[in-house]
Amino acid sequence: MPVVVNLDVMLARRKVRSKELAQAVGITESNLSLLKSGRVKGVRFSTLAAICCYLDCAPGDILDYVRSEDDLRHDA
């Protein structure tokens, strides 16, 4: 998957536990876990904004795009 979720890195940098973030943002710990592992198909902008607000970061600090081999083949 070309979109990589680095939420666990931001949690570690901010010294915030998943449970604390889930409570602050208003989502379940299991949904936060799915998001951290990248096993979700989407995330609401309001949820992403709440996470960024709480962690004092930008969406680009949490989400990254990595080109895959398929992406490179389509560009040729």
PDB file of N, CA and C in Angstrom:
ATOM      1  N   MET A   1       0.853  -1.179   0.000  1.00  0.00           N
ATOM      2  CA  MET A   1       0.000   0.000   0.000  1.00  0.00           C
ATOM      3  C   MET A   1       0.896   1.239   0.000  1.00  0.00           C
ATOM      4  N   PRO A   2       0.663   2.155  -0.920  1.00  0.00           N
ATOM      5  CA  PRO A   2       1.543   3.317  -1.025  1.00  0.00           C
ATOM      6  C   PRO A   2       1.377   4.344   0.095  1.00  0.00           C
ATOM      7  N   VAL A   3       0.266   4.333   0.830  1.00  0.00           N
ATOM      8  CA  VAL A   3       0.106   5.270   1.942  1.00  0.00           C
ATOM      9  C   VAL A   3       0.512   4.555   3.232  1.00  0.00           C
ATOM     10  N   VAL A   4       1.484   5.140   3.913  1.00  0.00           N
ATOM     11  CA  VAL A   4       2.021   4.548   5.140  1.00  0.00           C
ATOM     12  C   VAL A   4       1.580   5.405   6.320  1.00  0.00           C
ATOM     13  N   VAL A   5       1.106   4.752   7.370  1.00  0.00           N
ATOM     14  CA  VAL A   5       0.655   5.447   8.579  1.00  0.00           C
ATOM     15  C   VAL A   5       1.777   5.407   9.608  1.00  0.00           C
ATOM     16  N   ASN A   6       2.234   6.577  10.018  1.00  0.00           N
ATOM     17  CA  ASN A   6       3.315   6.703  10.989  1.00  0.00           C
ATOM     18  C   ASN A   6       2.794   7.198  12.339  1.00  0.00           C
ATOM     19  N   LEU A   7       1.573   6.842  12.660  1.00  0.00           N
ATOM     20  CA  LEU A   7       0.966   7.327  13.895  1.00  0.00           C
ATOM     21  C   LEU A   7       1.713   6.831  15.121  1.00  0.00           C
ATOM     22  N   ASP A   8       2.191   5.594  15.080  1.00  0.00           N
ATOM     23  CA  ASP A   8       2.922   5.068  16.230  1.00  0.00           C
ATOM     24  C   ASP A   8       4.202   5.858  16.495  1.00  0.00           C
ATOM     25  N   VAL A   9       4.826   6.368  15.437  1.00  0.00           N
ATOM     26  CA  VAL A   9       6.034   7.183  15.582  1.00  0.00           C
ATOM     27  C   VAL A   9       5.690   8.503  16.283  1.00  0.00           C
ATOM     28  N   MET A  10       4.592   9.136  15.855  1.00  0.00           N
ATOM     29  CA  MET A  10       4.194  10.400  16.486  1.00  0.00           C
ATOM     30  C   MET A  10       3.783  10.199  17.938  1.00  0.00           C
ATOM     31  N   LEU A  11       3.111   9.096  18.222  1.00  0.00           N
ATOM     32  CA  LEU A  11       2.745   8.804  19.613  1.00  0.00           C
ATOM     33  C   LEU A  11       4.004   8.675  20.476  1.00  0.00           C
ATOM     34  N   ALA A  12       5.001   7.992  19.965  1.00  0.00           N
ATOM     35  CA  ALA A  12       6.252   7.827  20.711  1.00  0.00           C
ATOM     36  C   ALA A  12       6.959   9.164  20.892  1.00  0.00           C
ATOM     37  N   ARG A  13       6.998   9.974  19.848  1.00  0.00           N
ATOM     38  CA  ARG A  13       7.661  11.293  19.947  1.00  0.00           C
ATOM     39  C   ARG A  13       6.986  12.195  20.978  1.00  0.00           C
ATOM     40  N   ARG A  14       5.667  12.112  21.039  1.00  0.00           N
ATOM     41  CA  ARG A  14       4.913  12.964  21.958  1.00  0.00           C
ATOM     42  C   ARG A  14       4.712  12.320  23.330  1.00  0.00           C
ATOM     43  N   LYS A  15       5.183  11.063  23.446  1.00  0.00           N
ATOM     44  CA  LYS A  15       5.032  10.310  24.695  1.00  0.00           C
ATOM     45  C   LYS A  15       3.563  10.226  25.123  1.00  0.00           C
ATOM     46  N   VAL A  16       2.733   9.883  24.153  1.00  0.00           N
ATOM     47  CA  VAL A  16       1.291   9.752  24.366  1.00  0.00           C
ATOM     48  C   VAL A  16       0.923   8.284  24.151  1.00  0.00           C
ATOM     49  N   ARG A  17       0.115   7.748  25.027  1.00  0.00           N
ATOM     50  CA  ARG A  17      -0.346   6.367  24.889  1.00  0.00           C
ATOM     51  C   ARG A  17      -1.564   6.324  23.969  1.00  0.00           C
ATOM     52  N   SER A  18      -1.719   5.205  23.313  1.00  0.00           N
ATOM     53  CA  SER A  18      -2.854   5.025  22.392  1.00  0.00           C
ATOM     54  C   SER A  18      -4.179   5.239  23.107  1.00  0.00           C
ATOM     55  N   LYS A  19      -4.287   4.712  24.316  1.00  0.00           N
ATOM     56  CA  LYS A  19      -5.535   4.838  25.078  1.00  0.00           C
ATOM     57  C   LYS A  19      -5.870   6.312  25.330  1.00  0.00           C
ATOM     58  N   GLU A  20      -4.861   7.095  25.665  1.00  0.00           N
ATOM     59  CA  GLU A  20      -5.053   8.528  25.920  1.00  0.00           C
ATOM     60  C   GLU A  20      -5.526   9.251  24.660  1.00  0.00           C
ATOM     61  N   LEU A  21      -4.892   8.940  23.526  1.00  0.00           N
ATOM     62  CA  LEU A  21      -5.268   9.578  22.266  1.00  0.00           C
ATOM     63  C   LEU A  21      -6.682   9.166  21.854  1.00  0.00           C
ATOM     64  N   ALA A  22      -6.996   7.890  21.979  1.00  0.00           N
ATOM     65  CA  ALA A  22      -8.332   7.412  21.610  1.00  0.00           C
ATOM     66  C   ALA A  22      -9.409   8.128  22.410  1.00  0.00           C
ATOM     67  N   GLN A  23      -9.188   8.271  23.709  1.00  0.00           N
ATOM     68  CA  GLN A  23     -10.163   8.958  24.556  1.00  0.00           C
ATOM     69  C   GLN A  23     -10.286  10.427  24.171  1.00  0.00           C
ATOM     70  N   ALA A  24      -9.152  11.074  23.914  1.00  0.00           N
ATOM     71  CA  ALA A  24      -9.160  12.499  23.588  1.00  0.00           C
ATOM     72  C   ALA A  24      -9.851  12.776  22.251  1.00  0.00           C
ATOM     73  N   VAL A  25      -9.681  11.864  21.313  1.00  0.00           N
ATOM     74  CA  VAL A  25     -10.216  12.055  19.964  1.00  0.00           C
ATOM     75  C   VAL A  25     -11.653  11.543  19.849  1.00  0.00           C
ATOM     76  N   GLY A  26     -12.017  10.609  20.715  1.00  0.00           N
ATOM     77  CA  GLY A  26     -13.370  10.085  20.685  1.00  0.00           C
ATOM     78  C   GLY A  26     -13.548   8.888  19.771  1.00  0.00           C
ATOM     79  N   ILE A  27     -12.499   8.072  19.649  1.00  0.00           N
ATOM     80  CA  ILE A  27     -12.619   6.836  18.890  1.00  0.00           C
ATOM     81  C   ILE A  27     -12.221   5.677  19.806  1.00  0.00           C
ATOM     82  N   THR A  28     -12.578   4.475  19.398  1.00  0.00           N
ATOM     83  CA  THR A  28     -12.246   3.329  20.229  1.00  0.00           C
ATOM     84  C   THR A  28     -10.760   2.989  20.077  1.00  0.00           C
ATOM     85  N   GLU A  29     -10.227   2.327  21.092  1.00  0.00           N
ATOM     86  CA  GLU A  29      -8.834   1.897  21.024  1.00  0.00           C
ATOM     87  C   GLU A  29      -8.630   0.911  19.878  1.00  0.00           C
ATOM     88  N   SER A  30      -9.624   0.067  19.619  1.00  0.00           N
ATOM     89  CA  SER A  30      -9.484  -0.899  18.527  1.00  0.00           C
ATOM     90  C   SER A  30      -9.444  -0.193  17.170  1.00  0.00           C
ATOM     91  N   ASN A  31     -10.251   0.849  16.989  1.00  0.00           N
ATOM     92  CA  ASN A  31     -10.191   1.609  15.731  1.00  0.00           C
ATOM     93  C   ASN A  31      -8.868   2.349  15.593  1.00  0.00           C
ATOM     94  N   LEU A  32      -8.356   2.868  16.693  1.00  0.00           N
ATOM     95  CA  LEU A  32      -7.055   3.542  16.661  1.00  0.00           C
ATOM     96  C   LEU A  32      -5.959   2.533  16.314  1.00  0.00           C
ATOM     97  N   SER A  33      -6.060   1.343  16.856  1.00  0.00           N
ATOM     98  CA  SER A  33      -5.094   0.289  16.558  1.00  0.00           C
ATOM     99  C   SER A  33      -5.121  -0.073  15.079  1.00  0.00           C
ATOM    100  N   LEU A  34      -6.313  -0.179  14.515  1.00  0.00           N
ATOM    101  CA  LEU A  34      -6.439  -0.460  13.087  1.00  0.00           C
ATOM    102  C   LEU A  34      -5.820   0.659  12.252  1.00  0.00           C
ATOM    103  N   LEU A  35      -6.030   1.887  12.665  1.00  0.00           N
ATOM    104  CA  LEU A  35      -5.448   3.028  11.964  1.00  0.00           C
ATOM    105  C   LEU A  35      -3.926   2.993  12.050  1.00  0.00           C
ATOM    106  N   LYS A  36      -3.406   2.741  13.255  1.00  0.00           N
ATOM    107  CA  LYS A  36      -1.954   2.688  13.435  1.00  0.00           C
ATOM    108  C   LYS A  36      -1.312   1.625  12.562  1.00  0.00           C
ATOM    109  N   SER A  37      -1.997   0.508  12.387  1.00  0.00           N
ATOM    110  CA  SER A  37      -1.430  -0.590  11.603  1.00  0.00           C
ATOM    111  C   SER A  37      -1.647  -0.410  10.097  1.00  0.00           C
ATOM    112  N   GLY A  38      -2.426   0.600   9.714  1.00  0.00           N
ATOM    113  CA  GLY A  38      -2.687   0.843   8.300  1.00  0.00           C
ATOM    114  C   GLY A  38      -3.736  -0.077   7.712  1.00  0.00           C
ATOM    115  N   ARG A  39      -4.495  -0.756   8.566  1.00  0.00           N
ATOM    116  CA  ARG A  39      -5.502  -1.704   8.088  1.00  0.00           C
ATOM    117  C   ARG A  39      -6.877  -1.065   7.943  1.00  0.00           C
ATOM    118  N   VAL A  40      -6.921   0.193   7.584  1.00  0.00           N
ATOM    119  CA  VAL A  40      -8.190   0.874   7.330  1.00  0.00           C
ATOM    120  C   VAL A  40      -8.196   1.342   5.882  1.00  0.00           C
ATOM    121  N   LYS A  41      -9.390   1.503   5.341  1.00  0.00           N
ATOM    122  CA  LYS A  41      -9.510   1.973   3.962  1.00  0.00           C
ATOM    123  C   LYS A  41      -9.617   3.487   3.892  1.00  0.00           C
ATOM    124  N   GLY A  42      -9.896   4.109   5.027  1.00  0.00           N
ATOM    125  CA  GLY A  42     -10.031   5.554   5.042  1.00  0.00           C
ATOM    126  C   GLY A  42     -10.097   6.079   6.453  1.00  0.00           C
ATOM    127  N   VAL A  43      -9.958   7.383   6.552  1.00  0.00           N
ATOM    128  CA  VAL A  43     -10.068   8.057   7.840  1.00  0.00           C
ATOM    129  C   VAL A  43     -10.789   9.378   7.599  1.00  0.00           C
ATOM    130  N   ARG A  44     -11.696   9.711   8.477  1.00  0.00           N
ATOM    131  CA  ARG A  44     -12.421  10.977   8.330  1.00  0.00           C
ATOM    132  C   ARG A  44     -11.468  12.143   8.580  1.00  0.00           C
ATOM    133  N   PHE A  45     -11.656  13.197   7.813  1.00  0.00           N
ATOM    134  CA  PHE A  45     -10.825  14.379   8.004  1.00  0.00           C
ATOM    135  C   PHE A  45     -10.991  14.943   9.408  1.00  0.00           C
ATOM    136  N   SER A  46     -12.186  14.849   9.955  1.00  0.00           N
ATOM    137  CA  SER A  46     -12.408  15.369  11.314  1.00  0.00           C
ATOM    138  C   SER A  46     -11.612  14.559  12.342  1.00  0.00           C
ATOM    139  N   THR A  47     -11.509  13.260  12.132  1.00  0.00           N
ATOM    140  CA  THR A  47     -10.709  12.419  13.025  1.00  0.00           C
ATOM    141  C   THR A  47      -9.231  12.736  12.857  1.00  0.00           C
ATOM    142  N   LEU A  48      -8.787  12.856  11.627  1.00  0.00           N
ATOM    143  CA  LEU A  48      -7.392  13.198  11.363  1.00  0.00           C
ATOM    144  C   LEU A  48      -7.046  14.559  11.960  1.00  0.00           C
ATOM    145  N   ALA A  49      -7.943  15.515  11.818  1.00  0.00           N
ATOM    146  CA  ALA A  49      -7.718  16.851  12.381  1.00  0.00           C
ATOM    147  C   ALA A  49      -7.636  16.795  13.908  1.00  0.00           C
ATOM    148  N   ALA A  50      -8.507  16.010  14.535  1.00  0.00           N
ATOM    149  CA  ALA A  50      -8.489  15.885  15.994  1.00  0.00           C
ATOM    150  C   ALA A  50      -7.193  15.236  16.472  1.00  0.00           C
ATOM    151  N   ILE A  51      -6.724  14.227  15.746  1.00  0.00           N
ATOM    152  CA  ILE A  51      -5.458  13.580  16.099  1.00  0.00           C
ATOM    153  C   ILE A  51      -4.312  14.579  15.967  1.00  0.00           C
ATOM    154  N   CYS A  52      -4.281  15.305  14.868  1.00  0.00           N
ATOM    155  CA  CYS A  52      -3.223  16.295  14.651  1.00  0.00           C
ATOM    156  C   CYS A  52      -3.264  17.396  15.704  1.00  0.00           C
ATOM    157  N   CYS A  53      -4.443  17.829  16.063  1.00  0.00           N
ATOM    158  CA  CYS A  53      -4.583  18.865  17.083  1.00  0.00           C
ATOM    159  C   CYS A  53      -4.028  18.365  18.415  1.00  0.00           C
ATOM    160  N   TYR A  54      -4.404  17.158  18.800  1.00  0.00           N
ATOM    161  CA  TYR A  54      -3.972  16.619  20.088  1.00  0.00           C
ATOM    162  C   TYR A  54      -2.459  16.373  20.116  1.00  0.00           C
ATOM    163  N   LEU A  55      -1.910  15.888  18.999  1.00  0.00           N
ATOM    164  CA  LEU A  55      -0.477  15.586  18.942  1.00  0.00           C
ATOM    165  C   LEU A  55       0.364  16.779  18.484  1.00  0.00           C
ATOM    166  N   ASP A  56      -0.291  17.893  18.178  1.00  0.00           N
ATOM    167  CA  ASP A  56       0.391  19.104  17.708  1.00  0.00           C
ATOM    168  C   ASP A  56       1.305  18.773  16.516  1.00  0.00           C
ATOM    169  N   CYS A  57       0.677  18.239  15.481  1.00  0.00           N
ATOM    170  CA  CYS A  57       1.430  17.873  14.285  1.00  0.00           C
ATOM    171  C   CYS A  57       0.558  18.130  13.054  1.00  0.00           C
ATOM    172  N   ALA A  58       1.106  17.855  11.902  1.00  0.00           N
ATOM    173  CA  ALA A  58       0.390  18.014  10.640  1.00  0.00           C
ATOM    174  C   ALA A  58       0.050  16.632  10.073  1.00  0.00           C
ATOM    175  N   PRO A  59      -0.947  16.544   9.189  1.00  0.00           N
ATOM    176  CA  PRO A  59      -1.284  15.243   8.593  1.00  0.00           C
ATOM    177  C   PRO A  59      -0.085  14.550   7.942  1.00  0.00           C
ATOM    178  N   GLY A  60       0.816  15.322   7.365  1.00  0.00           N
ATOM    179  CA  GLY A  60       2.010  14.758   6.739  1.00  0.00           C
ATOM    180  C   GLY A  60       2.980  14.136   7.729  1.00  0.00           C
ATOM    181  N   ASP A  61       2.830  14.464   9.004  1.00  0.00           N
ATOM    182  CA  ASP A  61       3.658  13.827  10.032  1.00  0.00           C
ATOM    183  C   ASP A  61       3.132  12.432  10.346  1.00  0.00           C
ATOM    184  N   ILE A  62       1.880  12.184  10.028  1.00  0.00           N
ATOM    185  CA  ILE A  62       1.232  10.911  10.338  1.00  0.00           C
ATOM    186  C   ILE A  62       1.109  10.028   9.106  1.00  0.00           C
ATOM    187  N   LEU A  63       0.833  10.642   7.959  1.00  0.00           N
ATOM    188  CA  LEU A  63       0.637   9.898   6.719  1.00  0.00           C
ATOM    189  C   LEU A  63       1.764  10.200   5.743  1.00  0.00           C
ATOM    190  N   ASP A  64       2.233   9.160   5.075  1.00  0.00           N
ATOM    191  CA  ASP A  64       3.304   9.312   4.098  1.00  0.00           C
ATOM    192  C   ASP A  64       2.924   8.536   2.851  1.00  0.00           C
ATOM    193  N   TYR A  65       3.423   8.950   1.716  1.00  0.00           N
ATOM    194  CA  TYR A  65       3.174   8.262   0.454  1.00  0.00           C
ATOM    195  C   TYR A  65       4.484   7.672  -0.044  1.00  0.00           C
ATOM    196  N   VAL A  66       4.484   6.376  -0.283  1.00  0.00           N
ATOM    197  CA  VAL A  66       5.665   5.689  -0.792  1.00  0.00           C
ATOM    198  C   VAL A  66       5.296   5.076  -2.129  1.00  0.00           C
ATOM    199  N   ARG A  67       6.033   5.434  -3.148  1.00  0.00           N
ATOM    200  CA  ARG A  67       5.745   4.913  -4.483  1.00  0.00           C
ATOM    201  C   ARG A  67       6.023   3.426  -4.535  1.00  0.00           C
ATOM    202  N   SER A  68       5.111   2.702  -5.141  1.00  0.00           N
ATOM    203  CA  SER A  68       5.277   1.259  -5.305  1.00  0.00           C
ATOM    204  C   SER A  68       5.803   0.969  -6.700  1.00  0.00           C
ATOM    205  N   GLU A  69       6.179  -0.275  -6.923  1.00  0.00           N
ATOM    206  CA  GLU A  69       6.641  -0.689  -8.257  1.00  0.00           C
ATOM    207  C   GLU A  69       5.539  -0.471  -9.295  1.00  0.00           C
ATOM    208  N   ASP A  70       4.281  -0.723  -8.909  1.00  0.00           N
ATOM    209  CA  ASP A  70       3.167  -0.519  -9.842  1.00  0.00           C
ATOM    210  C   ASP A  70       3.057   0.942 -10.252  1.00  0.00           C
ATOM    211  N   ASP A  71       3.264   1.856  -9.288  1.00  0.00           N
ATOM    212  CA  ASP A  71       3.197   3.282  -9.593  1.00  0.00           C
ATOM    213  C   ASP A  71       4.285   3.659 -10.612  1.00  0.00           C
ATOM    214  N   LEU A  72       5.452   3.093 -10.431  1.00  0.00           N
ATOM    215  CA  LEU A  72       6.570   3.397 -11.330  1.00  0.00           C
ATOM    216  C   LEU A  72       6.299   2.878 -12.726  1.00  0.00           C
ATOM    217  N   ARG A  73       5.661   1.699 -12.825  1.00  0.00           N
ATOM    218  CA  ARG A  73       5.338   1.129 -14.138  1.00  0.00           C
ATOM    219  C   ARG A  73       4.302   1.952 -14.874  1.00  0.00           C
ATOM    220  N   HIS A  74       3.346   2.538 -14.142  1.00  0.00           N
ATOM    221  CA  HIS A  74       2.300   3.343 -14.773  1.00  0.00           C
ATOM    222  C   HIS A  74       2.851   4.663 -15.308  1.00  0.00           C
ATOM    223  N   ASP A  75       3.936   5.156 -14.692  1.00  0.00           N
ATOM    224  CA  ASP A  75       4.521   6.417 -15.131  1.00  0.00           C
ATOM    225  C   ASP A  75       5.302   6.260 -16.443  1.00  0.00           C
ATOM    226  N   ALA A  76       5.745   5.054 -16.732  1.00  0.00           N
ATOM    227  CA  ALA A  76       6.605   4.824 -17.916  1.00  0.00           C
ATOM    228  C   ALA A  76       5.824   4.881 -19.209  1.00  0.00           C
TER     229      ALA A  76
END
